[in-house]
């Protein structure tokens, strides 16, 4: 008789708490304008950004991730001893080894759990959330801490007119736990490596060996990325809603990656969202924080009482790779 492997799966999973860390230093457009020969008006027209947060010397991907993760646990009412896995999404963590996940887990107080990093750039948070859902539904974990933490100021050239005004620093996290009914819908995800050069570093870090004054900044072909996001992400978002067995009329909120307000507005229009659906525009005050942008935007909506707990939110992450992931989630 063949032995059968068994595990105690859960019927579903859902977000139990949202936590954040925002660096205290607020940087307005006037501070950005000089090095890129720009104006506050131009930046607002191009991105909708009024201000953003920059991390200080002691605020790292790890320390910000720890703060956001601990905040999510506190809000969920779950102790670190009950966490079975910690997933960290980041594209700005500059240490190749060890990954950030184990240290963040240790500093939060999580012991003996799985802890690893997920590298999917601005789509990383949604990728990690999909993995967390699968771990819980498959019986490999009961509680998973998902963290997006970014210090984008380390990888962005302050003189680059295409990126310097967009990107910023911060961290967001969610605690995901088991649920009697699914609270995280099917993920719709994919990648197009043929377009990898649209968002990429000048060269690999190996180039620093032979170029002592060189730093491989991340560059972006803004117009091309804008067109890709508008053309490709609206169908992905619609697919995520349909895969969850819903229509856009069932949504309480639309929380896309906070790339810039123009992309957010175009996507919202393409989806023909009903007027009651709240559209997250946290980018106006937080800038583009890559893998941290969606949980930061979620927390803003909840803190402002812009959405009702238990409502449904459509999350859409997209960015370098080019990678994307989308799903519908029930708000805590």
Protein backbone atom coordinates (compact mmCIF):
# COMPACT_ATOMS: atom_id res chain seq x y z
CA UNK A 1 0.00 0.00 0.00
CA UNK A 2 1.37 3.39 -1.00
CA UNK A 3 1.84 5.84 1.86
CA UNK A 4 -0.14 9.07 1.58
CA UNK A 5 1.24 12.42 2.66
CA UNK A 6 -1.21 14.54 4.61
CA UNK A 7 -1.19 18.09 5.97
CA UNK A 8 -3.81 20.15 7.81
CA UNK A 9 -4.76 22.69 5.13
CA UNK A 10 -6.90 25.73 5.80
CA UNK A 11 -9.97 26.59 3.76
CA UNK A 12 -8.52 29.99 3.08
CA UNK A 13 -6.43 32.83 4.45
CA UNK A 14 -6.92 36.51 5.07
CA UNK A 15 -5.08 39.61 6.19
CA UNK A 16 -5.37 40.06 9.95
CA UNK A 17 -3.37 43.25 10.46
CA UNK A 18 -1.51 45.94 8.53
CA UNK A 19 1.62 47.64 9.88
CA UNK A 20 3.89 50.37 8.54
CA UNK A 21 7.05 52.32 9.11
CA UNK A 22 7.46 55.76 7.59
CA UNK A 23 10.78 57.59 8.05
CA UNK A 24 10.21 60.88 9.88
CA UNK A 25 12.08 62.96 7.30
CA UNK A 26 9.58 64.51 4.88
CA UNK A 27 11.07 65.72 1.60
CA UNK A 28 9.05 68.18 -0.49
CA UNK A 29 9.52 68.71 -4.21
CA UNK A 30 11.51 71.91 -3.79
CA UNK A 31 14.35 69.89 -2.27
CA UNK A 32 14.37 67.56 -5.29
CA UNK A 33 14.13 70.21 -8.00
CA UNK A 34 17.66 71.65 -8.04
CA UNK A 35 19.70 68.56 -9.02
CA UNK A 36 17.24 67.62 -11.78
CA UNK A 37 16.57 71.18 -13.03
CA UNK A 38 12.84 70.88 -12.39
CA UNK A 39 9.97 72.59 -10.57
CA UNK A 40 7.36 71.63 -8.03
CA UNK A 41 4.67 72.17 -10.67
CA UNK A 42 6.39 69.84 -13.17
CA UNK A 43 6.79 67.07 -10.58
CA UNK A 44 3.15 67.33 -9.51
CA UNK A 45 1.96 67.25 -13.12
CA UNK A 46 4.13 64.26 -13.99
CA UNK A 47 3.54 62.18 -10.86
CA UNK A 48 1.07 63.78 -8.47
CA UNK A 49 3.74 63.63 -5.77
CA UNK A 50 3.72 66.46 -3.23
CA UNK A 51 6.24 64.97 -0.82
CA UNK A 52 7.90 61.71 0.11
CA UNK A 53 9.91 60.16 2.97
CA UNK A 54 13.69 59.64 2.92
CA UNK A 55 15.39 57.33 5.39
CA UNK A 56 18.16 58.55 7.65
CA UNK A 57 21.55 56.85 8.10
CA UNK A 58 20.24 54.45 10.77
CA UNK A 59 17.02 53.57 8.96
CA UNK A 60 17.76 50.49 6.87
CA UNK A 61 15.76 47.96 4.89
CA UNK A 62 16.11 45.66 7.90
CA UNK A 63 15.25 48.16 10.65
CA UNK A 64 12.25 49.55 8.75
CA UNK A 65 11.06 46.02 7.97
CA UNK A 66 11.33 45.11 11.65
CA UNK A 67 9.27 48.14 12.68
CA UNK A 68 6.55 47.50 10.08
CA UNK A 69 6.41 43.78 10.83
CA UNK A 70 6.14 44.32 14.59
CA UNK A 71 3.39 46.88 13.97
CA UNK A 72 1.42 44.39 11.84
CA UNK A 73 1.68 41.74 14.56
CA UNK A 74 0.50 44.17 17.24
CA UNK A 75 -2.48 45.28 15.18
CA UNK A 76 -3.38 41.65 14.41
CA UNK A 77 -3.06 40.66 18.06
CA UNK A 78 -0.69 37.82 17.16
CA UNK A 79 2.55 37.20 19.03
CA UNK A 80 5.80 36.50 17.16
CA UNK A 81 5.82 32.97 18.64
CA UNK A 82 2.81 32.14 16.45
CA UNK A 83 4.44 33.17 13.15
CA UNK A 84 5.48 30.25 10.93
CA UNK A 85 7.09 32.18 8.08
CA UNK A 86 8.43 35.67 7.34
CA UNK A 87 8.55 36.79 3.71
CA UNK A 88 10.43 39.97 2.79
CA UNK A 89 9.98 41.71 -0.55
CA UNK A 90 12.64 44.28 -1.47
CA UNK A 91 14.56 45.48 -4.49
CA UNK A 92 16.87 47.84 -2.60
CA UNK A 93 18.50 45.50 -0.06
CA UNK A 94 22.17 45.72 -0.96
CA UNK A 95 23.55 42.75 0.98
CA UNK A 96 23.72 39.66 -1.22
CA UNK A 97 24.19 37.33 1.74
CA UNK A 98 22.60 36.73 4.12
CA UNK A 99 19.12 37.73 2.94
CA UNK A 100 17.13 40.22 4.99
CA UNK A 101 14.37 37.81 6.02
CA UNK A 102 16.19 35.83 8.73
CA UNK A 103 17.55 38.94 10.47
CA UNK A 104 14.20 40.72 10.33
CA UNK A 105 12.47 37.65 11.75
CA UNK A 106 15.02 37.36 14.56
CA UNK A 107 14.79 41.03 15.51
CA UNK A 108 11.00 40.85 15.61
CA UNK A 109 11.21 37.86 17.91
CA UNK A 110 10.19 35.13 15.47
CA UNK A 111 12.19 31.99 16.27
CA UNK A 112 12.60 28.82 14.23
CA UNK A 113 10.27 29.90 11.43
CA UNK A 114 11.01 29.98 7.71
CA UNK A 115 12.31 33.39 6.64
CA UNK A 116 13.31 34.35 3.12
CA UNK A 117 13.38 37.17 0.59
CA UNK A 118 11.35 37.55 -2.60
CA UNK A 119 12.82 39.61 -5.42
CA UNK A 120 10.06 40.82 -7.71
CA UNK A 121 10.70 44.57 -7.46
CA UNK A 122 7.56 46.72 -7.26
CA UNK A 123 5.39 43.61 -7.68
CA UNK A 124 7.17 41.88 -4.80
CA UNK A 125 4.56 42.49 -2.12
CA UNK A 126 1.76 40.90 -4.16
CA UNK A 127 4.03 37.97 -5.05
CA UNK A 128 4.84 37.45 -1.36
CA UNK A 129 1.17 37.72 -0.40
CA UNK A 130 0.27 35.02 -2.94
CA UNK A 131 3.00 32.76 -1.51
CA UNK A 132 1.71 33.37 2.03
CA UNK A 133 -1.82 32.44 0.97
CA UNK A 134 -0.56 29.23 -0.67
CA UNK A 135 1.49 28.27 2.42
CA UNK A 136 -1.53 28.64 4.68
CA UNK A 137 -4.02 26.92 2.40
CA UNK A 138 -1.55 24.08 1.79
CA UNK A 139 -1.02 23.47 5.49
CA UNK A 140 2.65 24.52 5.61
CA UNK A 141 1.96 27.53 7.86
CA UNK A 142 -0.82 29.09 9.92
CA UNK A 143 0.47 32.63 10.26
CA UNK A 144 2.75 34.34 7.74
CA UNK A 145 4.24 37.81 8.09
CA UNK A 146 4.61 39.54 4.70
CA UNK A 147 6.87 42.61 4.61
CA UNK A 148 7.76 45.06 1.87
CA UNK A 149 10.71 47.24 2.85
CA UNK A 150 12.60 49.65 0.61
CA UNK A 151 15.36 52.21 0.87
CA UNK A 152 15.14 53.34 -2.75
CA UNK A 153 17.35 56.36 -2.13
CA UNK A 154 20.30 53.94 -2.11
CA UNK A 155 19.72 52.88 -5.72
CA UNK A 156 18.35 56.07 -7.33
CA UNK A 157 20.61 58.73 -8.84
CA UNK A 158 19.57 62.08 -7.27
CA UNK A 159 20.46 63.77 -10.57
CA UNK A 160 18.38 61.48 -12.77
CA UNK A 161 15.42 63.50 -14.06
CA UNK A 162 13.45 60.30 -14.78
CA UNK A 163 13.61 58.74 -11.32
CA UNK A 164 14.89 61.12 -8.62
CA UNK A 165 11.50 62.73 -7.95
CA UNK A 166 9.58 59.44 -7.92
CA UNK A 167 11.17 57.05 -5.48
CA UNK A 168 11.27 57.08 -1.70
CA UNK A 169 11.76 54.96 1.42
CA UNK A 170 9.53 53.10 3.86
CA UNK A 171 8.13 49.73 4.86
CA UNK A 172 4.74 48.06 5.11
CA UNK A 173 3.64 44.66 6.34
CA UNK A 174 0.62 42.42 6.75
CA UNK A 175 0.00 39.43 9.00
CA UNK A 176 -1.82 36.70 7.11
CA UNK A 177 -3.66 33.95 8.98
CA UNK A 178 -6.09 31.08 8.34
CA UNK A 179 -9.75 31.75 7.58
CA UNK A 180 -12.89 29.64 7.22
CA UNK A 181 -13.54 31.34 3.88
CA UNK A 182 -10.96 32.65 1.39
CA UNK A 183 -9.96 36.24 2.11
CA UNK A 184 -7.27 36.35 -0.58
CA UNK A 185 -8.40 35.65 -4.11
CA UNK A 186 -6.53 33.78 -6.83
CA UNK A 187 -3.36 35.54 -7.94
CA UNK A 188 -2.98 36.61 -11.56
CA UNK A 189 0.71 37.05 -12.20
CA UNK A 190 3.36 36.94 -14.87
CA UNK A 191 6.56 38.43 -16.24
CA UNK A 192 8.00 39.67 -19.53
CA UNK A 193 11.79 39.37 -19.44
CA UNK A 194 12.03 40.71 -22.98
CA UNK A 195 11.36 44.14 -21.47
CA UNK A 196 13.85 43.81 -18.61
CA UNK A 197 15.88 46.82 -19.79
CA UNK A 198 13.00 49.24 -19.25
CA UNK A 199 13.75 49.28 -15.50
CA UNK A 200 17.28 48.18 -14.76
CA UNK A 201 20.62 49.12 -13.22
CA UNK A 202 23.39 50.68 -15.31
CA UNK A 203 25.54 47.59 -14.80
CA UNK A 204 25.87 44.78 -12.29
CA UNK A 205 27.54 45.34 -8.92
CA UNK A 206 30.61 43.58 -10.33
CA UNK A 207 31.38 46.75 -12.28
CA UNK A 208 32.25 48.50 -9.01
CA UNK A 209 35.39 46.36 -8.73
CA UNK A 210 37.03 48.01 -11.69
CA UNK A 211 35.39 51.44 -11.34
CA UNK A 212 36.07 52.90 -7.89
CA UNK A 213 33.95 56.00 -8.51
CA UNK A 214 31.09 54.11 -10.16
CA UNK A 215 27.72 53.21 -8.65
CA UNK A 216 25.18 51.16 -10.66
CA UNK A 217 22.10 53.36 -10.34
CA UNK A 218 18.69 52.02 -11.30
CA UNK A 219 17.40 53.64 -14.49
CA UNK A 220 13.91 53.67 -15.97
CA UNK A 221 12.52 54.34 -19.43
CA UNK A 222 9.58 56.32 -18.07
CA UNK A 223 7.36 56.74 -21.18
CA UNK A 224 7.72 53.08 -22.17
CA UNK A 225 6.97 51.87 -18.65
CA UNK A 226 3.96 54.20 -18.48
CA UNK A 227 2.52 52.75 -21.71
CA UNK A 228 3.19 49.17 -20.58
CA UNK A 229 1.47 49.71 -17.24
CA UNK A 230 -1.62 51.24 -18.83
CA UNK A 231 -1.95 48.69 -21.64
CA UNK A 232 -1.09 45.53 -19.71
CA UNK A 233 -2.21 46.06 -16.12
CA UNK A 234 -5.86 46.92 -16.74
CA UNK A 235 -6.53 43.45 -18.28
CA UNK A 236 -4.56 41.82 -15.45
CA UNK A 237 -6.64 43.68 -12.87
CA UNK A 238 -9.91 42.69 -14.57
CA UNK A 239 -8.73 39.07 -14.69
CA UNK A 240 -7.99 39.12 -10.95
CA UNK A 241 -11.50 40.37 -10.20
CA UNK A 242 -13.10 37.78 -12.47
CA UNK A 243 -10.93 34.97 -11.07
CA UNK A 244 -12.26 35.82 -7.61
CA UNK A 245 -15.81 35.43 -8.92
CA UNK A 246 -16.52 39.14 -8.54
CA UNK A 247 -17.26 42.28 -10.51
CA UNK A 248 -15.77 45.73 -9.93
CA UNK A 249 -19.09 46.69 -8.30
CA UNK A 250 -18.20 44.32 -5.44
CA UNK A 251 -15.02 46.24 -4.62
CA UNK A 252 -14.61 48.70 -1.78
CA UNK A 253 -11.13 49.85 -2.83
CA UNK A 254 -8.57 49.78 -5.61
CA UNK A 255 -4.99 49.72 -4.31
CA UNK A 256 -2.48 49.56 -7.17
CA UNK A 257 1.28 49.90 -6.82
CA UNK A 258 1.85 53.59 -6.13
CA UNK A 259 3.94 54.29 -9.22
CA UNK A 260 2.47 57.70 -9.95
CA UNK A 261 -0.96 59.29 -9.92
CA UNK A 262 -1.27 59.42 -13.70
CA UNK A 263 -0.93 55.64 -13.98
CA UNK A 264 -3.31 55.12 -11.05
CA UNK A 265 -5.95 57.38 -12.60
CA UNK A 266 -5.61 55.77 -16.04
CA UNK A 267 -6.02 52.29 -14.59
CA UNK A 268 -9.01 53.32 -12.49
CA UNK A 269 -10.66 54.80 -15.59
CA UNK A 270 -9.91 51.73 -17.69
CA UNK A 271 -11.50 49.50 -15.05
CA UNK A 272 -14.62 51.71 -15.03
CA UNK A 273 -14.77 51.59 -11.26
CA UNK A 274 -18.09 52.66 -9.73
CA UNK A 275 -18.00 55.90 -7.76
CA UNK A 276 -18.14 54.23 -4.30
CA UNK A 277 -14.85 52.39 -4.95
CA UNK A 278 -12.06 54.22 -3.11
CA UNK A 279 -8.86 54.61 -5.14
CA UNK A 280 -5.61 54.70 -3.16
CA UNK A 281 -3.34 57.62 -4.03
CA UNK A 282 -0.84 57.40 -1.18
CA UNK A 283 1.92 58.16 -3.70
CA UNK A 284 1.04 61.84 -3.32
CA UNK A 285 2.52 61.87 0.19
CA UNK A 286 4.74 58.78 0.24
CA UNK A 287 6.28 58.69 -3.24
CA UNK A 288 6.97 55.42 -5.04
CA UNK A 289 8.24 52.99 -2.39
CA UNK A 290 8.36 49.93 -4.68
CA UNK A 291 7.50 46.73 -2.75
CA UNK A 292 6.36 48.78 0.26
CA UNK A 293 3.87 50.94 -1.61
CA UNK A 294 0.77 48.72 -1.47
CA UNK A 295 0.81 47.97 2.28
CA UNK A 296 1.61 51.64 2.98
CA UNK A 297 -1.37 52.67 0.85
CA UNK A 298 -3.59 50.06 2.53
CA UNK A 299 -2.70 51.39 5.97
CA UNK A 300 -3.45 54.96 4.90
CA UNK A 301 -6.95 53.99 3.72
CA UNK A 302 -7.64 52.15 6.98
CA UNK A 303 -6.18 54.90 9.19
CA UNK A 304 -8.24 57.55 7.39
CA UNK A 305 -11.42 55.42 7.70
CA UNK A 306 -11.74 55.69 3.93
CA UNK A 307 -12.76 52.02 3.74
CA UNK A 308 -14.83 49.75 5.96
CA UNK A 309 -13.13 46.74 7.56
CA UNK A 310 -14.19 43.55 5.80
CA UNK A 311 -14.54 45.22 2.42
CA UNK A 312 -12.84 43.91 -0.71
CA UNK A 313 -9.77 45.57 -2.20
CA UNK A 314 -8.15 44.93 -5.56
CA UNK A 315 -4.34 44.93 -5.29
CA UNK A 316 -2.17 45.26 -8.39
CA UNK A 317 1.64 45.25 -8.28
CA UNK A 318 3.85 45.87 -11.31
CA UNK A 319 7.41 46.90 -12.05
CA UNK A 320 10.94 45.83 -12.96
CA UNK A 321 11.26 42.46 -14.57
CA UNK A 322 8.87 43.36 -16.03
CA UNK A 323 6.77 41.55 -13.43
CA UNK A 324 3.20 41.86 -12.21
CA UNK A 325 0.77 40.26 -9.75
CA UNK A 326 -2.81 41.05 -8.80
CA UNK A 327 -5.46 39.70 -6.46
CA UNK A 328 -8.55 40.69 -4.52
CA UNK A 329 -8.26 40.66 -0.70
CA UNK A 330 -10.65 41.18 2.18
CA UNK A 331 -9.59 44.09 4.36
CA UNK A 332 -8.89 43.49 8.04
